[in-house]
Amino acid sequence: MKTSLCWLCLSILLLFTSGFATNKTVNMLNSRMGDMTYEEAIQRFGPPTQCAEAGVTLVCTWVYESNGTVFMPIGQNVYALPARAPSARLTFTNGVMTYWQLNGNWE
């Protein structure tokens, strides 16, 4: 029973620390799909952390500083876990964005 509760709490924590993005950023990326260029992405997000190129496809990732610490009570103990750093992964095909993915807290 105690183990099940721990896994439930951990699952909820992971849900709240990953995959959330502000509607403003999501709406901007959705509206720019097939239109945003790599140069425009650099203006919006800054220099990417890493890029990989394969033919006409360029995949770039931006990783930002962590948003601090999440405190997780498990049983009678409280554990400090690092919050997931926000990141963005954009795919450009023939010079325009064709896919995007945001992770972490984008507020």
PDB file of N, CA and C in Angstrom:
ATOM      1  N   MET A   1       0.822  -1.190   0.000  1.00  0.00           N
ATOM      2  CA  MET A   1       0.000   0.000   0.000  1.00  0.00           C
ATOM      3  C   MET A   1       0.866   1.254   0.000  1.00  0.00           C
ATOM      4  N   LYS A   2       1.870   1.282   0.879  1.00  0.00           N
ATOM      5  CA  LYS A   2       2.763   2.420   0.974  1.00  0.00           C
ATOM      6  C   LYS A   2       3.535   2.611  -0.336  1.00  0.00           C
ATOM      7  N   THR A   3       3.983   1.509  -0.934  1.00  0.00           N
ATOM      8  CA  THR A   3       4.717   1.567  -2.192  1.00  0.00           C
ATOM      9  C   THR A   3       3.829   2.102  -3.307  1.00  0.00           C
ATOM     10  N   SER A   4       2.575   1.674  -3.341  1.00  0.00           N
ATOM     11  CA  SER A   4       1.637   2.157  -4.362  1.00  0.00           C
ATOM     12  C   SER A   4       1.435   3.656  -4.239  1.00  0.00           C
ATOM     13  N   LEU A   5       1.293   4.140  -3.013  1.00  0.00           N
ATOM     14  CA  LEU A   5       1.128   5.566  -2.779  1.00  0.00           C
ATOM     15  C   LEU A   5       2.362   6.336  -3.228  1.00  0.00           C
ATOM     16  N   CYS A   6       3.528   5.796  -2.974  1.00  0.00           N
ATOM     17  CA  CYS A   6       4.775   6.443  -3.406  1.00  0.00           C
ATOM     18  C   CYS A   6       4.830   6.552  -4.921  1.00  0.00           C
ATOM     19  N   TRP A   7       4.466   5.486  -5.612  1.00  0.00           N
ATOM     20  CA  TRP A   7       4.488   5.512  -7.084  1.00  0.00           C
ATOM     21  C   TRP A   7       3.454   6.484  -7.632  1.00  0.00           C
ATOM     22  N   LEU A   8       2.302   6.564  -6.986  1.00  0.00           N
ATOM     23  CA  LEU A   8       1.267   7.511  -7.406  1.00  0.00           C
ATOM     24  C   LEU A   8       1.767   8.944  -7.254  1.00  0.00           C
ATOM     25  N   CYS A   9       2.383   9.238  -6.106  1.00  0.00           N
ATOM     26  CA  CYS A   9       2.923  10.585  -5.875  1.00  0.00           C
ATOM     27  C   CYS A   9       4.022  10.919  -6.879  1.00  0.00           C
ATOM     28  N   LEU A  10       4.883   9.973  -7.157  1.00  0.00           N
ATOM     29  CA  LEU A  10       5.958  10.198  -8.113  1.00  0.00           C
ATOM     30  C   LEU A  10       5.401  10.434  -9.510  1.00  0.00           C
ATOM     31  N   SER A  11       4.388   9.680  -9.886  1.00  0.00           N
ATOM     32  CA  SER A  11       3.755   9.858 -11.189  1.00  0.00           C
ATOM     33  C   SER A  11       3.130  11.239 -11.325  1.00  0.00           C
ATOM     34  N   ILE A  12       2.472  11.688 -10.267  1.00  0.00           N
ATOM     35  CA  ILE A  12       1.866  13.022 -10.284  1.00  0.00           C
ATOM     36  C   ILE A  12       2.945  14.086 -10.388  1.00  0.00           C
ATOM     37  N   LEU A  13       4.037  13.910  -9.660  1.00  0.00           N
ATOM     38  CA  LEU A  13       5.141  14.856  -9.736  1.00  0.00           C
ATOM     39  C   LEU A  13       5.687  14.950 -11.153  1.00  0.00           C
ATOM     40  N   LEU A  14       5.918  13.816 -11.779  1.00  0.00           N
ATOM     41  CA  LEU A  14       6.445  13.822 -13.144  1.00  0.00           C
ATOM     42  C   LEU A  14       5.472  14.482 -14.103  1.00  0.00           C
ATOM     43  N   LEU A  15       4.193  14.278 -13.885  1.00  0.00           N
ATOM     44  CA  LEU A  15       3.193  14.916 -14.732  1.00  0.00           C
ATOM     45  C   LEU A  15       3.280  16.422 -14.629  1.00  0.00           C
ATOM     46  N   PHE A  16       3.463  16.929 -13.410  1.00  0.00           N
ATOM     47  CA  PHE A  16       3.493  18.368 -13.216  1.00  0.00           C
ATOM     48  C   PHE A  16       4.834  19.007 -13.543  1.00  0.00           C
ATOM     49  N   THR A  17       5.886  18.242 -13.687  1.00  0.00           N
ATOM     50  CA  THR A  17       7.197  18.835 -13.983  1.00  0.00           C
ATOM     51  C   THR A  17       7.648  18.592 -15.412  1.00  0.00           C
ATOM     52  N   SER A  18       6.815  17.957 -16.230  1.00  0.00           N
ATOM     53  CA  SER A  18       7.227  17.732 -17.612  1.00  0.00           C
ATOM     54  C   SER A  18       6.085  18.029 -18.558  1.00  0.00           C
ATOM     55  N   GLY A  19       6.461  18.542 -19.699  1.00  0.00           N
ATOM     56  CA  GLY A  19       5.500  18.675 -20.769  1.00  0.00           C
ATOM     57  C   GLY A  19       4.583  19.875 -20.724  1.00  0.00           C
ATOM     58  N   PHE A  20       4.728  20.769 -19.772  1.00  0.00           N
ATOM     59  CA  PHE A  20       3.839  21.919 -19.728  1.00  0.00           C
ATOM     60  C   PHE A  20       4.476  23.104 -20.430  1.00  0.00           C
ATOM     61  N   ALA A  21       3.719  23.743 -21.249  1.00  0.00           N
ATOM     62  CA  ALA A  21       4.178  24.935 -21.949  1.00  0.00           C
ATOM     63  C   ALA A  21       3.057  25.965 -21.908  1.00  0.00           C
ATOM     64  N   THR A  22       3.427  27.237 -21.967  1.00  0.00           N
ATOM     65  CA  THR A  22       2.401  28.260 -21.957  1.00  0.00           C
ATOM     66  C   THR A  22       1.657  28.239 -23.287  1.00  0.00           C
ATOM     67  N   ASN A  23       0.387  28.602 -23.239  1.00  0.00           N
ATOM     68  CA  ASN A  23      -0.412  28.656 -24.457  1.00  0.00           C
ATOM     69  C   ASN A  23       0.173  29.636 -25.458  1.00  0.00           C
ATOM     70  N   LYS A  24       0.789  30.710 -24.964  1.00  0.00           N
ATOM     71  CA  LYS A  24       1.374  31.718 -25.849  1.00  0.00           C
ATOM     72  C   LYS A  24       2.459  31.096 -26.741  1.00  0.00           C
ATOM     73  N   THR A  25       3.354  30.325 -26.138  1.00  0.00           N
ATOM     74  CA  THR A  25       4.429  29.690 -26.908  1.00  0.00           C
ATOM     75  C   THR A  25       3.877  28.616 -27.838  1.00  0.00           C
ATOM     76  N   VAL A  26       2.946  27.805 -27.333  1.00  0.00           N
ATOM     77  CA  VAL A  26       2.334  26.756 -28.148  1.00  0.00           C
ATOM     78  C   VAL A  26       1.604  27.369 -29.338  1.00  0.00           C
ATOM     79  N   ASN A  27       0.814  28.406 -29.083  1.00  0.00           N
ATOM     80  CA  ASN A  27       0.082  29.063 -30.164  1.00  0.00           C
ATOM     81  C   ASN A  27       1.022  29.670 -31.195  1.00  0.00           C
ATOM     82  N   MET A  28       2.120  30.270 -30.733  1.00  0.00           N
ATOM     83  CA  MET A  28       3.084  30.856 -31.655  1.00  0.00           C
ATOM     84  C   MET A  28       3.689  29.770 -32.531  1.00  0.00           C
ATOM     85  N   LEU A  29       4.104  28.659 -31.937  1.00  0.00           N
ATOM     86  CA  LEU A  29       4.721  27.589 -32.721  1.00  0.00           C
ATOM     87  C   LEU A  29       3.715  26.964 -33.688  1.00  0.00           C
ATOM     88  N   ASN A  30       2.490  26.743 -33.230  1.00  0.00           N
ATOM     89  CA  ASN A  30       1.464  26.198 -34.127  1.00  0.00           C
ATOM     90  C   ASN A  30       1.206  27.131 -35.310  1.00  0.00           C
ATOM     91  N   SER A  31       1.129  28.416 -35.039  1.00  0.00           N
ATOM     92  CA  SER A  31       0.838  29.366 -36.122  1.00  0.00           C
ATOM     93  C   SER A  31       2.004  29.523 -37.096  1.00  0.00           C
ATOM     94  N   ARG A  32       3.227  29.231 -36.651  1.00  0.00           N
ATOM     95  CA  ARG A  32       4.410  29.400 -37.502  1.00  0.00           C
ATOM     96  C   ARG A  32       4.847  28.103 -38.172  1.00  0.00           C
ATOM     97  N   MET A  33       4.131  26.993 -37.937  1.00  0.00           N
ATOM     98  CA  MET A  33       4.456  25.702 -38.555  1.00  0.00           C
ATOM     99  C   MET A  33       4.466  25.855 -40.079  1.00  0.00           C
ATOM    100  N   GLY A  34       5.543  25.403 -40.696  1.00  0.00           N
ATOM    101  CA  GLY A  34       5.677  25.509 -42.150  1.00  0.00           C
ATOM    102  C   GLY A  34       6.087  26.881 -42.628  1.00  0.00           C
ATOM    103  N   ASP A  35       6.343  27.793 -41.674  1.00  0.00           N
ATOM    104  CA  ASP A  35       6.671  29.180 -42.031  1.00  0.00           C
ATOM    105  C   ASP A  35       7.928  29.686 -41.327  1.00  0.00           C
ATOM    106  N   MET A  36       8.134  29.303 -40.055  1.00  0.00           N
ATOM    107  CA  MET A  36       9.277  29.796 -39.286  1.00  0.00           C
ATOM    108  C   MET A  36      10.581  29.211 -39.814  1.00  0.00           C
ATOM    109  N   THR A  37      11.576  30.070 -39.998  1.00  0.00           N
ATOM    110  CA  THR A  37      12.889  29.627 -40.446  1.00  0.00           C
ATOM    111  C   THR A  37      13.811  29.440 -39.238  1.00  0.00           C
ATOM    112  N   TYR A  38      14.945  28.802 -39.477  1.00  0.00           N
ATOM    113  CA  TYR A  38      15.946  28.589 -38.427  1.00  0.00           C
ATOM    114  C   TYR A  38      16.419  29.929 -37.867  1.00  0.00           C
ATOM    115  N   GLU A  39      16.635  30.908 -38.726  1.00  0.00           N
ATOM    116  CA  GLU A  39      17.095  32.226 -38.287  1.00  0.00           C
ATOM    117  C   GLU A  39      16.061  32.889 -37.380  1.00  0.00           C
ATOM    118  N   GLU A  40      14.774  32.720 -37.702  1.00  0.00           N
ATOM    119  CA  GLU A  40      13.723  33.270 -36.845  1.00  0.00           C
ATOM    120  C   GLU A  40      13.669  32.551 -35.507  1.00  0.00           C
ATOM    121  N   ALA A  41      13.931  31.253 -35.496  1.00  0.00           N
ATOM    122  CA  ALA A  41      13.956  30.488 -34.249  1.00  0.00           C
ATOM    123  C   ALA A  41      15.091  30.984 -33.354  1.00  0.00           C
ATOM    124  N   ILE A  42      16.232  31.293 -33.939  1.00  0.00           N
ATOM    125  CA  ILE A  42      17.361  31.819 -33.161  1.00  0.00           C
ATOM    126  C   ILE A  42      16.984  33.171 -32.560  1.00  0.00           C
ATOM    127  N   GLN A  43      16.270  34.005 -33.308  1.00  0.00           N
ATOM    128  CA  GLN A  43      15.822  35.290 -32.764  1.00  0.00           C
ATOM    129  C   GLN A  43      14.874  35.084 -31.588  1.00  0.00           C
ATOM    130  N   ARG A  44      14.035  34.063 -31.657  1.00  0.00           N
ATOM    131  CA  ARG A  44      13.026  33.815 -30.616  1.00  0.00           C
ATOM    132  C   ARG A  44      13.621  33.088 -29.405  1.00  0.00           C
ATOM    133  N   PHE A  45      14.438  32.048 -29.630  1.00  0.00           N
ATOM    134  CA  PHE A  45      14.923  31.179 -28.561  1.00  0.00           C
ATOM    135  C   PHE A  45      16.399  31.387 -28.214  1.00  0.00           C
ATOM    136  N   GLY A  46      17.149  32.129 -29.028  1.00  0.00           N
ATOM    137  CA  GLY A  46      18.584  32.289 -28.822  1.00  0.00           C
ATOM    138  C   GLY A  46      19.337  31.170 -29.523  1.00  0.00           C
ATOM    139  N   PRO A  47      20.661  31.118 -29.367  1.00  0.00           N
ATOM    140  CA  PRO A  47      21.447  30.060 -30.012  1.00  0.00           C
ATOM    141  C   PRO A  47      21.063  28.686 -29.461  1.00  0.00           C
ATOM    142  N   PRO A  48      20.930  27.681 -30.319  1.00  0.00           N
ATOM    143  CA  PRO A  48      20.570  26.344 -29.841  1.00  0.00           C
ATOM    144  C   PRO A  48      21.707  25.692 -29.060  1.00  0.00           C
ATOM    145  N   THR A  49      21.330  24.760 -28.177  1.00  0.00           N
ATOM    146  CA  THR A  49      22.299  23.986 -27.422  1.00  0.00           C
ATOM    147  C   THR A  49      23.010  22.996 -28.330  1.00  0.00           C
ATOM    148  N   GLN A  50      22.250  22.376 -29.242  1.00  0.00           N
ATOM    149  CA  GLN A  50      22.834  21.431 -30.203  1.00  0.00           C
ATOM    150  C   GLN A  50      21.947  21.334 -31.432  1.00  0.00           C
ATOM    151  N   CYS A  51      22.560  20.972 -32.545  1.00  0.00           N
ATOM    152  CA  CYS A  51      21.846  20.760 -33.812  1.00  0.00           C
ATOM    153  C   CYS A  51      22.433  19.528 -34.496  1.00  0.00           C
ATOM    154  N   ALA A  52      21.578  18.855 -35.242  1.00  0.00           N
ATOM    155  CA  ALA A  52      22.013  17.724 -36.062  1.00  0.00           C
ATOM    156  C   ALA A  52      21.380  17.899 -37.440  1.00  0.00           C
ATOM    157  N   GLU A  53      22.174  17.653 -38.471  1.00  0.00           N
ATOM    158  CA  GLU A  53      21.696  17.833 -39.839  1.00  0.00           C
ATOM    159  C   GLU A  53      21.787  16.515 -40.589  1.00  0.00           C
ATOM    160  N   ALA A  54      20.721  16.211 -41.330  1.00  0.00           N
ATOM    161  CA  ALA A  54      20.682  15.010 -42.175  1.00  0.00           C
ATOM    162  C   ALA A  54      19.979  15.388 -43.469  1.00  0.00           C
ATOM    163  N   GLY A  55      20.752  15.585 -44.508  1.00  0.00           N
ATOM    164  CA  GLY A  55      20.173  15.978 -45.793  1.00  0.00           C
ATOM    165  C   GLY A  55      19.524  17.348 -45.689  1.00  0.00           C
ATOM    166  N   VAL A  56      18.224  17.414 -46.001  1.00  0.00           N
ATOM    167  CA  VAL A  56      17.505  18.689 -45.977  1.00  0.00           C
ATOM    168  C   VAL A  56      16.844  18.948 -44.620  1.00  0.00           C
ATOM    169  N   THR A  57      17.124  18.097 -43.628  1.00  0.00           N
ATOM    170  CA  THR A  57      16.494  18.219 -42.305  1.00  0.00           C
ATOM    171  C   THR A  57      17.516  18.659 -41.266  1.00  0.00           C
ATOM    172  N   LEU A  58      17.129  19.645 -40.469  1.00  0.00           N
ATOM    173  CA  LEU A  58      17.946  20.157 -39.380  1.00  0.00           C
ATOM    174  C   LEU A  58      17.109  20.064 -38.103  1.00  0.00           C
ATOM    175  N   VAL A  59      17.629  19.366 -37.089  1.00  0.00           N
ATOM    176  CA  VAL A  59      16.941  19.237 -35.802  1.00  0.00           C
ATOM    177  C   VAL A  59      17.784  19.940 -34.753  1.00  0.00           C
ATOM    178  N   CYS A  60      17.195  20.949 -34.091  1.00  0.00           N
ATOM    179  CA  CYS A  60      17.926  21.720 -33.081  1.00  0.00           C
ATOM    180  C   CYS A  60      17.208  21.661 -31.750  1.00  0.00           C
ATOM    181  N   THR A  61      18.010  21.626 -30.678  1.00  0.00           N
ATOM    182  CA  THR A  61      17.484  21.569 -29.328  1.00  0.00           C
ATOM    183  C   THR A  61      18.016  22.748 -28.532  1.00  0.00           C
ATOM    184  N   TRP A  62      17.114  23.375 -27.800  1.00  0.00           N
ATOM    185  CA  TRP A  62      17.452  24.451 -26.886  1.00  0.00           C
ATOM    186  C   TRP A  62      17.153  23.951 -25.485  1.00  0.00           C
ATOM    187  N   VAL A  63      18.147  23.973 -24.584  1.00  0.00           N
ATOM    188  CA  VAL A  63      17.953  23.567 -23.191  1.00  0.00           C
ATOM    189  C   VAL A  63      18.300  24.771 -22.331  1.00  0.00           C
ATOM    190  N   TYR A  64      17.388  25.119 -21.433  1.00  0.00           N
ATOM    191  CA  TYR A  64      17.554  26.293 -20.587  1.00  0.00           C
ATOM    192  C   TYR A  64      17.867  25.869 -19.166  1.00  0.00           C
ATOM    193  N   GLU A  65      18.216  26.826 -18.326  1.00  0.00           N
ATOM    194  CA  GLU A  65      18.549  26.565 -16.931  1.00  0.00           C
ATOM    195  C   GLU A  65      17.340  25.994 -16.197  1.00  0.00           C
ATOM    196  N   SER A  66      17.596  25.097 -15.277  1.00  0.00           N
ATOM    197  CA  SER A  66      16.535  24.465 -14.488  1.00  0.00           C
ATOM    198  C   SER A  66      15.742  25.506 -13.715  1.00  0.00           C
ATOM    199  N   ASN A  67      14.474  25.200 -13.475  1.00  0.00           N
ATOM    200  CA  ASN A  67      13.602  26.111 -12.740  1.00  0.00           C
ATOM    201  C   ASN A  67      13.623  25.889 -11.238  1.00  0.00           C
ATOM    202  N   GLY A  68      14.644  25.279 -10.705  1.00  0.00           N
ATOM    203  CA  GLY A  68      14.744  25.120  -9.271  1.00  0.00           C
ATOM    204  C   GLY A  68      14.547  23.696  -8.790  1.00  0.00           C
ATOM    205  N   THR A  69      13.857  23.573  -7.654  1.00  0.00           N
ATOM    206  CA  THR A  69      13.723  22.295  -6.974  1.00  0.00           C
ATOM    207  C   THR A  69      12.259  22.003  -6.687  1.00  0.00           C
ATOM    208  N   VAL A  70      11.897  20.734  -6.791  1.00  0.00           N
ATOM    209  CA  VAL A  70      10.573  20.262  -6.418  1.00  0.00           C
ATOM    210  C   VAL A  70      10.749  19.413  -5.164  1.00  0.00           C
ATOM    211  N   PHE A  71       9.927  19.658  -4.147  1.00  0.00           N
ATOM    212  CA  PHE A  71      10.003  18.892  -2.910  1.00  0.00           C
ATOM    213  C   PHE A  71       8.902  17.836  -2.909  1.00  0.00           C
ATOM    214  N   MET A  72       9.305  16.574  -2.716  1.00  0.00           N
ATOM    215  CA  MET A  72       8.394  15.441  -2.838  1.00  0.00           C
ATOM    216  C   MET A  72       8.326  14.700  -1.516  1.00  0.00           C
ATOM    217  N   PRO A  73       7.156  14.736  -0.833  1.00  0.00           N
ATOM    218  CA  PRO A  73       7.034  13.951   0.395  1.00  0.00           C
ATOM    219  C   PRO A  73       6.755  12.489   0.063  1.00  0.00           C
ATOM    220  N   ILE A  74       7.573  11.606   0.593  1.00  0.00           N
ATOM    221  CA  ILE A  74       7.375  10.165   0.423  1.00  0.00           C
ATOM    222  C   ILE A  74       7.498   9.548   1.809  1.00  0.00           C
ATOM    223  N   GLY A  75       6.362   9.030   2.283  1.00  0.00           N
ATOM    224  CA  GLY A  75       6.348   8.494   3.642  1.00  0.00           C
ATOM    225  C   GLY A  75       6.566   9.610   4.632  1.00  0.00           C
ATOM    226  N   GLN A  76       7.518   9.431   5.526  1.00  0.00           N
ATOM    227  CA  GLN A  76       7.821  10.459   6.520  1.00  0.00           C
ATOM    228  C   GLN A  76       8.993  11.325   6.100  1.00  0.00           C
ATOM    229  N   ASN A  77       9.513  11.091   4.918  1.00  0.00           N
ATOM    230  CA  ASN A  77      10.659  11.860   4.431  1.00  0.00           C
ATOM    231  C   ASN A  77      10.212  12.810   3.322  1.00  0.00           C
ATOM    232  N   VAL A  78      10.969  13.880   3.140  1.00  0.00           N
ATOM    233  CA  VAL A  78      10.750  14.817   2.047  1.00  0.00           C
ATOM    234  C   VAL A  78      12.023  14.832   1.213  1.00  0.00           C
ATOM    235  N   TYR A  79      11.869  14.585  -0.081  1.00  0.00           N
ATOM    236  CA  TYR A  79      13.013  14.540  -0.985  1.00  0.00           C
ATOM    237  C   TYR A  79      13.013  15.770  -1.876  1.00  0.00           C
ATOM    238  N   ALA A  80      14.180  16.358  -2.081  1.00  0.00           N
ATOM    239  CA  ALA A  80      14.342  17.491  -2.985  1.00  0.00           C
ATOM    240  C   ALA A  80      14.797  16.948  -4.338  1.00  0.00           C
ATOM    241  N   LEU A  81      14.000  17.181  -5.367  1.00  0.00           N
ATOM    242  CA  LEU A  81      14.324  16.720  -6.715  1.00  0.00           C
ATOM    243  C   LEU A  81      14.515  17.924  -7.621  1.00  0.00           C
ATOM    244  N   PRO A  82      15.520  17.900  -8.474  1.00  0.00           N
ATOM    245  CA  PRO A  82      15.684  19.029  -9.387  1.00  0.00           C
ATOM    246  C   PRO A  82      14.519  19.082 -10.362  1.00  0.00           C
ATOM    247  N   ALA A  83      14.018  20.286 -10.610  1.00  0.00           N
ATOM    248  CA  ALA A  83      12.954  20.472 -11.591  1.00  0.00           C
ATOM    249  C   ALA A  83      13.546  20.299 -12.984  1.00  0.00           C
ATOM    250  N   ARG A  84      12.769  19.736 -13.860  1.00  0.00           N
ATOM    251  CA  ARG A  84      13.229  19.514 -15.225  1.00  0.00           C
ATOM    252  C   ARG A  84      13.430  20.853 -15.931  1.00  0.00           C
ATOM    253  N   ALA A  85      14.595  21.012 -16.543  1.00  0.00           N
ATOM    254  CA  ALA A  85      14.896  22.242 -17.265  1.00  0.00           C
ATOM    255  C   ALA A  85      14.030  22.327 -18.521  1.00  0.00           C
ATOM    256  N   PRO A  86      13.485  23.515 -18.816  1.00  0.00           N
ATOM    257  CA  PRO A  86      12.700  23.634 -20.035  1.00  0.00           C
ATOM    258  C   PRO A  86      13.586  23.432 -21.267  1.00  0.00           C
ATOM    259  N   SER A  87      13.018  22.780 -22.268  1.00  0.00           N
ATOM    260  CA  SER A  87      13.752  22.579 -23.516  1.00  0.00           C
ATOM    261  C   SER A  87      12.785  22.652 -24.687  1.00  0.00           C
ATOM    262  N   ALA A  88      13.343  22.974 -25.828  1.00  0.00           N
ATOM    263  CA  ALA A  88      12.575  23.023 -27.066  1.00  0.00           C
ATOM    264  C   ALA A  88      13.341  22.264 -28.131  1.00  0.00           C
ATOM    265  N   ARG A  89      12.638  21.481 -28.931  1.00  0.00           N
ATOM    266  CA  ARG A  89      13.251  20.785 -30.060  1.00  0.00           C
ATOM    267  C   ARG A  89      12.443  21.144 -31.303  1.00  0.00           C
ATOM    268  N   LEU A  90      13.130  21.768 -32.247  1.00  0.00           N
ATOM    269  CA  LEU A  90      12.479  22.180 -33.489  1.00  0.00           C
ATOM    270  C   LEU A  90      13.137  21.468 -34.662  1.00  0.00           C
ATOM    271  N   THR A  91      12.311  21.008 -35.589  1.00  0.00           N
ATOM    272  CA  THR A  91      12.801  20.352 -36.802  1.00  0.00           C
ATOM    273  C   THR A  91      12.511  21.247 -37.985  1.00  0.00           C
ATOM    274  N   PHE A  92      13.527  21.472 -38.792  1.00  0.00           N
ATOM    275  CA  PHE A  92      13.396  22.290 -39.994  1.00  0.00           C
ATOM    276  C   PHE A  92      13.674  21.411 -41.201  1.00  0.00           C
ATOM    277  N   THR A  93      12.761  21.416 -42.152  1.00  0.00           N
ATOM    278  CA  THR A  93      12.937  20.671 -43.393  1.00  0.00           C
ATOM    279  C   THR A  93      12.856  21.664 -44.538  1.00  0.00           C
ATOM    280  N   ASN A  94      13.852  21.642 -45.402  1.00  0.00           N
ATOM    281  CA  ASN A  94      13.947  22.607 -46.495  1.00  0.00           C
ATOM    282  C   ASN A  94      13.862  24.038 -45.982  1.00  0.00           C
ATOM    283  N   GLY A  95      14.454  24.270 -44.817  1.00  0.00           N
ATOM    284  CA  GLY A  95      14.571  25.633 -44.294  1.00  0.00           C
ATOM    285  C   GLY A  95      13.418  26.138 -43.452  1.00  0.00           C
ATOM    286  N   VAL A  96      12.321  25.380 -43.314  1.00  0.00           N
ATOM    287  CA  VAL A  96      11.201  25.847 -42.505  1.00  0.00           C
ATOM    288  C   VAL A  96      10.832  24.816 -41.437  1.00  0.00           C
ATOM    289  N   MET A  97      10.241  25.289 -40.333  1.00  0.00           N
ATOM    290  CA  MET A  97       9.891  24.411 -39.226  1.00  0.00           C
ATOM    291  C   MET A  97       8.757  23.469 -39.635  1.00  0.00           C
ATOM    292  N   THR A  98       8.988  22.169 -39.413  1.00  0.00           N
ATOM    293  CA  THR A  98       7.981  21.168 -39.745  1.00  0.00           C
ATOM    294  C   THR A  98       7.517  20.382 -38.520  1.00  0.00           C
ATOM    295  N   TYR A  99       8.189  20.553 -37.378  1.00  0.00           N
ATOM    296  CA  TYR A  99       7.814  19.847 -36.152  1.00  0.00           C
ATOM    297  C   TYR A  99       8.396  20.607 -34.980  1.00  0.00           C
ATOM    298  N   TRP A 100       7.676  20.590 -33.857  1.00  0.00           N
ATOM    299  CA  TRP A 100       8.200  21.191 -32.632  1.00  0.00           C
ATOM    300  C   TRP A 100       7.775  20.371 -31.426  1.00  0.00           C
ATOM    301  N   GLN A 101       8.565  20.471 -30.338  1.00  0.00           N
ATOM    302  CA  GLN A 101       8.269  19.801 -29.083  1.00  0.00           C
ATOM    303  C   GLN A 101       8.821  20.644 -27.956  1.00  0.00           C
ATOM    304  N   LEU A 102       7.999  20.930 -26.945  1.00  0.00           N
ATOM    305  CA  LEU A 102       8.430  21.665 -25.774  1.00  0.00           C
ATOM    306  C   LEU A 102       8.338  20.756 -24.560  1.00  0.00           C
ATOM    307  N   ASN A 103       9.305  20.859 -23.664  1.00  0.00           N
ATOM    308  CA  ASN A 103       9.307  20.097 -22.413  1.00  0.00           C
ATOM    309  C   ASN A 103       9.632  21.039 -21.267  1.00  0.00           C
ATOM    310  N   GLY A 104       9.089  20.746 -20.098  1.00  0.00           N
ATOM    311  CA  GLY A 104       9.381  21.548 -18.923  1.00  0.00           C
ATOM    312  C   GLY A 104       8.422  22.704 -18.778  1.00  0.00           C
ATOM    313  N   ASN A 105       8.754  23.604 -17.876  1.00  0.00           N
ATOM    314  CA  ASN A 105       7.891  24.742 -17.530  1.00  0.00           C
ATOM    315  C   ASN A 105       8.265  25.955 -18.377  1.00  0.00           C
ATOM    316  N   TRP A 106       7.366  26.387 -19.227  1.00  0.00           N
ATOM    317  CA  TRP A 106       7.612  27.524 -20.126  1.00  0.00           C
ATOM    318  C   TRP A 106       6.876  28.789 -19.675  1.00  0.00           C
ATOM    319  N   GLU A 107       6.664  28.968 -18.389  1.00  0.00           N
ATOM    320  CA  GLU A 107       5.983  30.184 -17.911  1.00  0.00           C
ATOM    321  C   GLU A 107       6.946  31.313 -17.777  1.00  0.00           C
TER     322      GLU A 107
END
